[in-house]
Amino acid sequence: MLTIKILGSGCANCKRLEQIARKVVEETGTQAEVLKVTEYPDIMAYGITSTPGLVINEKIVSYGRIPTPAEVNTWVADALQSADSSLTRR
């Protein structure tokens, strides 16, 4: 299961990114937990300089803009592939 975090205060752009992420998860049937990180110190811990930010399995994949659904889909697929390959290496 993936962990997807939306970093941001809850502005319109952050909400839009959350909608995109949730839609990609739903459309692809991916098992993922989508979390909102809204506390400033928690956001700053990731070292991003502008929001919204998107983190998948603790890897920052985007910040400071709203990525397209196709981009999010690619990042989710990449994260799933990384997770699968790490399981097969054990």
C-alpha atoms as a PDB file:
ATOM      1  CA  MET A   1       0.000   0.000   0.000  1.00  0.00           C
ATOM      2  CA  LEU A   2       1.229   3.464  -0.896  1.00  0.00           C
ATOM      3  CA  THR A   3       1.221   6.504   1.338  1.00  0.00           C
ATOM      4  CA  ILE A   4       0.460   9.701  -0.541  1.00  0.00           C
ATOM      5  CA  LYS A   5       0.798  13.014   1.261  1.00  0.00           C
ATOM      6  CA  ILE A   6      -0.524  16.361   0.132  1.00  0.00           C
ATOM      7  CA  LEU A   7       1.563  19.132   1.693  1.00  0.00           C
ATOM      8  CA  GLY A   8      -0.182  22.468   2.076  1.00  0.00           C
ATOM      9  CA  SER A   9      -2.283  24.739   4.203  1.00  0.00           C
ATOM     10  CA  GLY A  10      -5.581  23.810   2.587  1.00  0.00           C
ATOM     11  CA  CYS A  11      -5.619  26.458  -0.137  1.00  0.00           C
ATOM     12  CA  ALA A  12      -7.458  25.932  -3.425  1.00  0.00           C
ATOM     13  CA  ASN A  13      -4.346  24.522  -5.123  1.00  0.00           C
ATOM     14  CA  CYS A  14      -3.780  22.043  -2.298  1.00  0.00           C
ATOM     15  CA  LYS A  15      -7.400  20.913  -2.499  1.00  0.00           C
ATOM     16  CA  ARG A  16      -7.126  20.498  -6.276  1.00  0.00           C
ATOM     17  CA  LEU A  17      -3.999  18.373  -5.899  1.00  0.00           C
ATOM     18  CA  GLU A  18      -5.764  16.212  -3.323  1.00  0.00           C
ATOM     19  CA  GLN A  19      -8.684  15.720  -5.748  1.00  0.00           C
ATOM     20  CA  ILE A  20      -6.292  14.679  -8.518  1.00  0.00           C
ATOM     21  CA  ALA A  21      -4.425  12.247  -6.270  1.00  0.00           C
ATOM     22  CA  ARG A  22      -7.621  10.655  -4.968  1.00  0.00           C
ATOM     23  CA  LYS A  23      -9.020  10.339  -8.503  1.00  0.00           C
ATOM     24  CA  VAL A  24      -5.840   8.641  -9.774  1.00  0.00           C
ATOM     25  CA  VAL A  25      -5.905   6.207  -6.835  1.00  0.00           C
ATOM     26  CA  GLU A  26      -9.574   5.421  -7.471  1.00  0.00           C
ATOM     27  CA  GLU A  27      -9.241   5.063 -11.243  1.00  0.00           C
ATOM     28  CA  THR A  28      -6.191   2.806 -11.036  1.00  0.00           C
ATOM     29  CA  GLY A  29      -7.515   0.713  -8.158  1.00  0.00           C
ATOM     30  CA  THR A  30      -4.334   1.411  -6.202  1.00  0.00           C
ATOM     31  CA  GLN A  31      -4.304   0.671  -2.515  1.00  0.00           C
ATOM     32  CA  ALA A  32      -3.155   3.952  -1.045  1.00  0.00           C
ATOM     33  CA  GLU A  33      -3.661   6.122   1.981  1.00  0.00           C
ATOM     34  CA  VAL A  34      -4.018   9.789   1.025  1.00  0.00           C
ATOM     35  CA  LEU A  35      -3.074  12.120   3.865  1.00  0.00           C
ATOM     36  CA  LYS A  36      -3.167  15.886   4.167  1.00  0.00           C
ATOM     37  CA  VAL A  37      -0.196  17.519   5.914  1.00  0.00           C
ATOM     38  CA  THR A  38      -1.255  21.029   6.910  1.00  0.00           C
ATOM     39  CA  GLU A  39       0.966  21.958   9.841  1.00  0.00           C
ATOM     40  CA  TYR A  40       3.748  24.339   8.818  1.00  0.00           C
ATOM     41  CA  PRO A  41       6.560  22.581  10.760  1.00  0.00           C
ATOM     42  CA  ASP A  42       5.561  19.226   9.241  1.00  0.00           C
ATOM     43  CA  ILE A  43       5.571  20.707   5.735  1.00  0.00           C
ATOM     44  CA  MET A  44       8.939  22.392   6.290  1.00  0.00           C
ATOM     45  CA  ALA A  45      10.430  19.073   7.443  1.00  0.00           C
ATOM     46  CA  TYR A  46      10.258  18.004   3.784  1.00  0.00           C
ATOM     47  CA  GLY A  47      12.363  20.994   2.734  1.00  0.00           C
ATOM     48  CA  ILE A  48       9.994  22.246   0.056  1.00  0.00           C
ATOM     49  CA  THR A  49       9.918  25.964  -0.664  1.00  0.00           C
ATOM     50  CA  SER A  50       6.348  26.287  -1.946  1.00  0.00           C
ATOM     51  CA  THR A  51       3.092  24.396  -1.804  1.00  0.00           C
ATOM     52  CA  PRO A  52       1.261  22.348  -2.796  1.00  0.00           C
ATOM     53  CA  GLY A  53       3.612  19.445  -2.390  1.00  0.00           C
ATOM     54  CA  LEU A  54       3.107  15.809  -3.283  1.00  0.00           C
ATOM     55  CA  VAL A  55       4.968  13.051  -1.474  1.00  0.00           C
ATOM     56  CA  ILE A  56       4.607   9.375  -2.376  1.00  0.00           C
ATOM     57  CA  ASN A  57       6.119   6.844   0.024  1.00  0.00           C
ATOM     58  CA  GLU A  58       8.219   9.639   1.574  1.00  0.00           C
ATOM     59  CA  LYS A  59       9.646  10.729  -1.792  1.00  0.00           C
ATOM     60  CA  ILE A  60       8.917  14.304  -2.863  1.00  0.00           C
ATOM     61  CA  VAL A  61       7.656  14.092  -6.444  1.00  0.00           C
ATOM     62  CA  SER A  62       6.276  17.608  -6.927  1.00  0.00           C
ATOM     63  CA  TYR A  63       5.963  20.973  -5.229  1.00  0.00           C
ATOM     64  CA  GLY A  64       4.983  24.524  -6.064  1.00  0.00           C
ATOM     65  CA  ARG A  65       2.530  23.571  -8.815  1.00  0.00           C
ATOM     66  CA  ILE A  66      -0.447  21.390  -9.620  1.00  0.00           C
ATOM     67  CA  PRO A  67       0.734  18.376 -11.617  1.00  0.00           C
ATOM     68  CA  THR A  68      -1.475  16.846 -14.275  1.00  0.00           C
ATOM     69  CA  PRO A  69      -3.390  13.638 -13.556  1.00  0.00           C
ATOM     70  CA  ALA A  70      -1.103  11.891 -16.069  1.00  0.00           C
ATOM     71  CA  GLU A  71       1.975  12.956 -14.088  1.00  0.00           C
ATOM     72  CA  VAL A  72       0.453  11.758 -10.815  1.00  0.00           C
ATOM     73  CA  ASN A  73      -0.509   8.481 -12.485  1.00  0.00           C
ATOM     74  CA  THR A  74       3.106   7.989 -13.621  1.00  0.00           C
ATOM     75  CA  TRP A  75       4.491   8.728 -10.148  1.00  0.00           C
ATOM     76  CA  VAL A  76       2.020   6.332  -8.529  1.00  0.00           C
ATOM     77  CA  ALA A  77       2.956   3.610 -11.027  1.00  0.00           C
ATOM     78  CA  ASP A  78       6.660   4.231 -10.397  1.00  0.00           C
ATOM     79  CA  ALA A  79       6.139   4.019  -6.637  1.00  0.00           C
ATOM     80  CA  LEU A  80       4.201   0.765  -7.016  1.00  0.00           C
ATOM     81  CA  GLN A  81       6.965  -0.679  -9.179  1.00  0.00           C
ATOM     82  CA  SER A  82       9.606   0.374  -6.635  1.00  0.00           C
ATOM     83  CA  ALA A  83       7.610  -1.163  -3.815  1.00  0.00           C
ATOM     84  CA  ASP A  84       7.135  -4.400  -5.764  1.00  0.00           C
ATOM     85  CA  SER A  85      10.821  -4.665  -6.681  1.00  0.00           C
ATOM     86  CA  SER A  86      11.903  -4.089  -3.078  1.00  0.00           C
ATOM     87  CA  LEU A  87       9.629  -6.937  -1.973  1.00  0.00           C
ATOM     88  CA  THR A  88      11.059  -9.340  -4.533  1.00  0.00           C
ATOM     89  CA  ARG A  89      14.619  -8.545  -3.442  1.00  0.00           C
ATOM     90  CA  ARG A  90      13.977  -9.792   0.102  1.00  0.00           C
END
